[in-house]
């Protein structure tokens, strides 16, 4: 059964079928900012156990106007480190990783995690 969003702060998450979506409001140029932010959310709010097997992870950064100067590879590493141990056991289980930047209506990062 699909759940509504959990969390009320900058980070929210929900399960939709076989996918977990995590949404982070706001952007910063410091990728290291996201690891403790998302990690603390997962530690306090997330109740599901990590799984084994291969996963596909899509990370989408939406910006308004000029994109922030942030290395997408550093952003991906910080976010994967934050969700490791909560959605999957090790980031070596990520068999497909897509990280992209788009202009959007609001500044946010969306992470979609699916079993392959």
N, C-alpha and C. Protein backbone atom coordinates (compact mmCIF):
# COMPACT_ATOMS: atom_id res chain seq x y z
N UNK A 1 0.85 -1.20 0.00
CA UNK A 1 0.00 0.00 0.00
C UNK A 1 0.88 1.24 0.00
N UNK A 2 0.56 2.20 -0.81
CA UNK A 2 1.33 3.45 -0.86
C UNK A 2 1.07 4.27 0.39
N UNK A 3 2.13 4.90 0.86
CA UNK A 3 2.03 5.75 2.04
C UNK A 3 2.07 7.20 1.63
N UNK A 4 1.55 8.05 2.51
CA UNK A 4 1.75 9.48 2.35
C UNK A 4 3.18 9.79 2.78
N UNK A 5 3.60 11.01 2.55
CA UNK A 5 4.94 11.44 2.93
C UNK A 5 5.10 11.37 4.44
N UNK A 6 6.27 10.90 4.88
CA UNK A 6 6.61 10.98 6.30
C UNK A 6 7.67 12.07 6.44
N UNK A 7 7.66 12.71 7.59
CA UNK A 7 8.60 13.80 7.83
C UNK A 7 7.92 15.14 7.58
N UNK A 8 8.32 16.14 8.36
CA UNK A 8 7.70 17.45 8.25
C UNK A 8 8.74 18.55 8.04
N UNK A 9 10.02 18.22 8.04
CA UNK A 9 11.06 19.23 7.88
C UNK A 9 11.54 19.32 6.45
N UNK A 10 12.83 19.57 6.28
CA UNK A 10 13.42 19.71 4.94
C UNK A 10 13.44 18.39 4.18
N UNK A 11 13.38 17.26 4.89
CA UNK A 11 13.46 15.94 4.25
C UNK A 11 12.14 15.20 4.50
N UNK A 12 11.61 14.62 3.43
CA UNK A 12 10.41 13.79 3.51
C UNK A 12 10.65 12.54 2.67
N UNK A 13 9.91 11.48 2.97
CA UNK A 13 10.05 10.25 2.20
C UNK A 13 8.71 9.51 2.15
N UNK A 14 8.60 8.65 1.16
CA UNK A 14 7.42 7.79 1.05
C UNK A 14 7.79 6.57 0.24
N UNK A 15 6.99 5.51 0.47
CA UNK A 15 7.11 4.29 -0.33
C UNK A 15 5.96 4.31 -1.33
N UNK A 16 6.30 4.03 -2.58
CA UNK A 16 5.29 3.95 -3.65
C UNK A 16 5.52 2.65 -4.39
N UNK A 17 4.78 1.63 -4.01
CA UNK A 17 4.98 0.32 -4.63
C UNK A 17 6.37 -0.19 -4.28
N UNK A 18 7.18 -0.48 -5.32
CA UNK A 18 8.53 -0.99 -5.08
C UNK A 18 9.58 0.12 -5.06
N UNK A 19 9.14 1.37 -4.98
CA UNK A 19 10.06 2.50 -5.01
C UNK A 19 9.97 3.29 -3.71
N UNK A 20 11.13 3.81 -3.29
CA UNK A 20 11.17 4.76 -2.18
C UNK A 20 11.59 6.10 -2.76
N UNK A 21 10.83 7.13 -2.44
CA UNK A 21 11.16 8.49 -2.87
C UNK A 21 11.55 9.30 -1.64
N UNK A 22 12.63 10.06 -1.77
CA UNK A 22 13.06 10.98 -0.73
C UNK A 22 13.14 12.35 -1.36
N UNK A 23 12.56 13.36 -0.71
CA UNK A 23 12.59 14.71 -1.23
C UNK A 23 13.25 15.63 -0.19
N UNK A 24 14.19 16.44 -0.69
CA UNK A 24 14.91 17.38 0.16
C UNK A 24 14.63 18.78 -0.37
N UNK A 25 14.06 19.63 0.47
CA UNK A 25 13.76 21.00 0.06
C UNK A 25 14.99 21.88 0.20
N UNK A 26 15.20 22.76 -0.78
CA UNK A 26 16.30 23.71 -0.75
C UNK A 26 17.57 23.15 -1.35
N UNK A 27 18.46 24.04 -1.75
CA UNK A 27 19.76 23.65 -2.32
C UNK A 27 20.87 24.44 -1.64
N UNK A 28 22.04 23.84 -1.59
CA UNK A 28 23.25 24.50 -1.14
C UNK A 28 24.39 24.06 -2.05
N UNK A 29 25.48 24.79 -2.05
CA UNK A 29 26.63 24.41 -2.89
C UNK A 29 27.52 23.39 -2.20
N UNK A 30 27.23 23.07 -0.94
CA UNK A 30 28.06 22.14 -0.18
C UNK A 30 27.41 20.75 -0.15
N UNK A 31 27.97 19.82 -0.91
CA UNK A 31 27.42 18.46 -0.95
C UNK A 31 27.45 17.81 0.43
N UNK A 32 28.46 18.13 1.23
CA UNK A 32 28.60 17.50 2.55
C UNK A 32 27.46 17.88 3.49
N UNK A 33 26.72 18.93 3.20
CA UNK A 33 25.57 19.35 4.00
C UNK A 33 24.47 18.27 4.00
N UNK A 34 24.33 17.56 2.90
CA UNK A 34 23.21 16.65 2.72
C UNK A 34 23.37 15.33 3.48
N UNK A 35 24.59 14.86 3.66
CA UNK A 35 24.78 13.56 4.32
C UNK A 35 24.19 13.54 5.73
N UNK A 36 24.58 14.45 6.64
CA UNK A 36 23.99 14.39 7.99
C UNK A 36 22.50 14.72 7.99
N UNK A 37 22.05 15.60 7.10
CA UNK A 37 20.65 15.96 7.03
C UNK A 37 19.78 14.74 6.72
N UNK A 38 20.14 14.03 5.66
CA UNK A 38 19.36 12.86 5.23
C UNK A 38 19.58 11.69 6.20
N UNK A 39 20.80 11.51 6.67
CA UNK A 39 21.10 10.43 7.60
C UNK A 39 20.23 10.56 8.86
N UNK A 40 20.17 11.75 9.44
CA UNK A 40 19.37 11.96 10.65
C UNK A 40 17.90 11.71 10.39
N UNK A 41 17.41 12.11 9.24
CA UNK A 41 16.02 11.81 8.89
C UNK A 41 15.80 10.30 8.85
N UNK A 42 16.67 9.60 8.16
CA UNK A 42 16.51 8.15 8.04
C UNK A 42 16.60 7.48 9.41
N UNK A 43 17.52 7.92 10.23
CA UNK A 43 17.70 7.33 11.56
C UNK A 43 16.45 7.54 12.43
N UNK A 44 15.87 8.72 12.38
CA UNK A 44 14.75 9.05 13.26
C UNK A 44 13.38 8.67 12.69
N UNK A 45 13.21 8.74 11.38
CA UNK A 45 11.87 8.63 10.79
C UNK A 45 11.62 7.32 10.02
N UNK A 46 12.67 6.69 9.51
CA UNK A 46 12.49 5.56 8.60
C UNK A 46 12.40 4.26 9.40
N UNK A 47 11.40 3.43 9.09
CA UNK A 47 11.20 2.22 9.87
C UNK A 47 11.49 0.94 9.09
N UNK A 48 11.57 0.99 7.78
CA UNK A 48 11.82 -0.22 6.99
C UNK A 48 13.26 -0.67 7.14
N UNK A 49 13.48 -1.94 6.93
CA UNK A 49 14.82 -2.53 7.03
C UNK A 49 15.50 -2.51 5.66
N UNK A 50 16.84 -2.45 5.63
CA UNK A 50 17.55 -2.49 4.35
C UNK A 50 17.41 -3.86 3.68
N UNK A 51 17.57 -3.87 2.37
CA UNK A 51 17.44 -5.09 1.58
C UNK A 51 18.75 -5.43 0.88
N UNK A 52 18.86 -6.69 0.47
CA UNK A 52 19.97 -7.13 -0.37
C UNK A 52 19.50 -7.12 -1.81
N UNK A 53 20.43 -7.27 -2.73
CA UNK A 53 20.10 -7.27 -4.15
C UNK A 53 20.55 -5.99 -4.81
N UNK A 54 20.29 -5.89 -6.10
CA UNK A 54 20.70 -4.71 -6.86
C UNK A 54 19.62 -3.64 -6.83
N UNK A 55 20.08 -2.39 -6.89
CA UNK A 55 19.18 -1.24 -6.85
C UNK A 55 19.50 -0.26 -7.98
N UNK A 56 18.48 0.47 -8.39
CA UNK A 56 18.64 1.60 -9.31
C UNK A 56 18.30 2.85 -8.50
N UNK A 57 19.17 3.85 -8.61
CA UNK A 57 18.97 5.10 -7.86
C UNK A 57 18.99 6.26 -8.86
N UNK A 58 17.95 7.08 -8.81
CA UNK A 58 17.86 8.29 -9.63
C UNK A 58 17.88 9.48 -8.68
N UNK A 59 18.80 10.40 -8.92
CA UNK A 59 18.92 11.62 -8.12
C UNK A 59 18.69 12.78 -9.07
N UNK A 60 17.73 13.62 -8.72
CA UNK A 60 17.38 14.76 -9.57
C UNK A 60 17.46 16.03 -8.74
N UNK A 61 18.35 16.93 -9.15
CA UNK A 61 18.47 18.21 -8.49
C UNK A 61 17.73 19.24 -9.34
N UNK A 62 16.74 19.90 -8.74
CA UNK A 62 16.00 20.94 -9.44
C UNK A 62 16.42 22.30 -8.90
N UNK A 63 16.70 23.23 -9.80
CA UNK A 63 17.12 24.57 -9.38
C UNK A 63 16.26 25.61 -10.08
N UNK A 64 16.23 26.81 -9.52
CA UNK A 64 15.54 27.95 -10.11
C UNK A 64 16.62 28.93 -10.54
N UNK A 65 16.59 29.35 -11.78
CA UNK A 65 17.62 30.25 -12.28
C UNK A 65 18.92 29.51 -12.53
N UNK A 66 20.04 30.18 -12.27
CA UNK A 66 21.35 29.56 -12.48
C UNK A 66 21.53 28.37 -11.53
N UNK A 67 22.09 27.25 -12.02
CA UNK A 67 22.31 26.11 -11.13
C UNK A 67 23.43 26.42 -10.13
N UNK A 68 23.31 25.88 -8.92
CA UNK A 68 24.39 26.08 -7.95
C UNK A 68 25.64 25.35 -8.39
N UNK A 69 26.78 25.85 -8.00
CA UNK A 69 28.05 25.20 -8.35
C UNK A 69 28.31 24.07 -7.37
N UNK A 70 27.80 22.91 -7.73
CA UNK A 70 27.97 21.71 -6.90
C UNK A 70 28.30 20.56 -7.83
N UNK A 71 29.30 19.78 -7.47
CA UNK A 71 29.67 18.61 -8.26
C UNK A 71 28.65 17.51 -8.02
N UNK A 72 28.01 17.08 -9.09
CA UNK A 72 26.97 16.07 -8.95
C UNK A 72 27.51 14.75 -8.41
N UNK A 73 28.77 14.42 -8.72
CA UNK A 73 29.33 13.17 -8.19
C UNK A 73 29.48 13.24 -6.68
N UNK A 74 29.86 14.41 -6.15
CA UNK A 74 29.96 14.56 -4.69
C UNK A 74 28.58 14.53 -4.03
N UNK A 75 27.61 15.11 -4.69
CA UNK A 75 26.24 15.08 -4.18
C UNK A 75 25.75 13.63 -4.11
N UNK A 76 25.98 12.87 -5.18
CA UNK A 76 25.54 11.48 -5.22
C UNK A 76 26.20 10.67 -4.10
N UNK A 77 27.48 10.86 -3.90
CA UNK A 77 28.20 10.11 -2.86
C UNK A 77 27.63 10.44 -1.48
N UNK A 78 27.40 11.72 -1.19
CA UNK A 78 26.86 12.12 0.11
C UNK A 78 25.48 11.50 0.34
N UNK A 79 24.63 11.52 -0.68
CA UNK A 79 23.28 10.98 -0.53
C UNK A 79 23.29 9.46 -0.41
N UNK A 80 24.12 8.77 -1.20
CA UNK A 80 24.21 7.31 -1.08
C UNK A 80 24.73 6.92 0.29
N UNK A 81 25.72 7.64 0.81
CA UNK A 81 26.23 7.35 2.15
C UNK A 81 25.14 7.54 3.20
N UNK A 82 24.27 8.53 3.02
CA UNK A 82 23.22 8.81 4.00
C UNK A 82 22.14 7.74 4.03
N UNK A 83 21.81 7.15 2.88
CA UNK A 83 20.73 6.15 2.86
C UNK A 83 21.23 4.73 3.01
N UNK A 84 22.55 4.55 2.92
CA UNK A 84 23.15 3.21 3.10
C UNK A 84 22.84 2.74 4.51
N UNK A 85 22.42 1.50 4.63
CA UNK A 85 22.05 0.95 5.93
C UNK A 85 20.57 1.12 6.25
N UNK A 86 19.87 1.88 5.43
CA UNK A 86 18.44 2.07 5.62
C UNK A 86 17.62 1.52 4.47
N UNK A 87 18.07 1.73 3.23
CA UNK A 87 17.37 1.19 2.07
C UNK A 87 18.09 -0.01 1.50
N UNK A 88 19.41 0.01 1.53
CA UNK A 88 20.24 -1.13 1.12
C UNK A 88 21.41 -1.20 2.08
N UNK A 89 22.10 -2.34 2.09
CA UNK A 89 23.17 -2.55 3.06
C UNK A 89 24.47 -1.83 2.68
N UNK A 90 24.76 -1.77 1.40
CA UNK A 90 26.04 -1.21 0.94
C UNK A 90 25.82 -0.53 -0.40
N UNK A 91 26.51 0.60 -0.64
CA UNK A 91 26.29 1.28 -1.91
C UNK A 91 26.87 0.52 -3.10
N UNK A 92 27.58 -0.57 -2.84
CA UNK A 92 28.01 -1.45 -3.94
C UNK A 92 26.80 -2.16 -4.56
N UNK A 93 25.66 -2.14 -3.88
CA UNK A 93 24.44 -2.75 -4.42
C UNK A 93 23.78 -1.87 -5.47
N UNK A 94 24.25 -0.65 -5.64
CA UNK A 94 23.68 0.26 -6.64
C UNK A 94 24.23 -0.15 -8.01
N UNK A 95 23.36 -0.78 -8.81
CA UNK A 95 23.75 -1.28 -10.12
C UNK A 95 23.52 -0.24 -11.21
N UNK A 96 22.69 0.74 -10.92
CA UNK A 96 22.41 1.82 -11.87
C UNK A 96 22.26 3.10 -11.07
N UNK A 97 22.97 4.14 -11.51
CA UNK A 97 22.92 5.44 -10.83
C UNK A 97 22.78 6.53 -11.88
N UNK A 98 21.73 7.33 -11.76
CA UNK A 98 21.52 8.47 -12.65
C UNK A 98 21.45 9.71 -11.78
N UNK A 99 22.30 10.69 -12.07
CA UNK A 99 22.31 11.95 -11.34
C UNK A 99 22.17 13.06 -12.37
N UNK A 100 21.16 13.90 -12.21
CA UNK A 100 20.94 14.95 -13.20
C UNK A 100 20.48 16.24 -12.54
N UNK A 101 20.71 17.33 -13.28
CA UNK A 101 20.35 18.68 -12.83
C UNK A 101 19.35 19.24 -13.85
N UNK A 102 18.28 19.83 -13.34
CA UNK A 102 17.24 20.41 -14.20
C UNK A 102 16.76 21.71 -13.61
N UNK A 103 16.33 22.62 -14.49
CA UNK A 103 15.64 23.81 -14.00
C UNK A 103 14.23 23.38 -13.62
N UNK A 104 13.75 23.88 -12.49
CA UNK A 104 12.43 23.49 -12.02
C UNK A 104 11.69 24.66 -11.42
N UNK A 105 10.57 24.37 -10.80
CA UNK A 105 9.74 25.40 -10.18
C UNK A 105 10.19 25.74 -8.77
N UNK A 106 10.94 24.85 -8.15
CA UNK A 106 11.44 25.08 -6.80
C UNK A 106 12.77 24.38 -6.63
N UNK A 107 13.55 24.80 -5.65
CA UNK A 107 14.85 24.19 -5.41
C UNK A 107 14.67 22.98 -4.50
N UNK A 108 15.05 21.82 -5.03
CA UNK A 108 14.92 20.59 -4.26
C UNK A 108 15.72 19.47 -4.91
N UNK A 109 15.89 18.42 -4.15
CA UNK A 109 16.54 17.20 -4.63
C UNK A 109 15.56 16.06 -4.39
N UNK A 110 15.38 15.24 -5.40
CA UNK A 110 14.52 14.06 -5.28
C UNK A 110 15.38 12.82 -5.54
N UNK A 111 15.24 11.85 -4.66
CA UNK A 111 15.95 10.57 -4.81
C UNK A 111 14.90 9.48 -4.96
N UNK A 112 15.03 8.68 -6.02
CA UNK A 112 14.13 7.54 -6.22
C UNK A 112 14.99 6.27 -6.18
N UNK A 113 14.62 5.34 -5.32
CA UNK A 113 15.37 4.10 -5.16
C UNK A 113 14.44 2.93 -5.45
N UNK A 114 14.88 2.08 -6.40
CA UNK A 114 14.09 0.91 -6.79
C UNK A 114 14.95 -0.35 -6.77
N UNK A 115 14.34 -1.47 -6.43
CA UNK A 115 15.01 -2.75 -6.58
C UNK A 115 15.05 -3.08 -8.05
N UNK A 116 16.14 -3.69 -8.51
CA UNK A 116 16.24 -4.09 -9.92
C UNK A 116 15.88 -5.54 -10.07
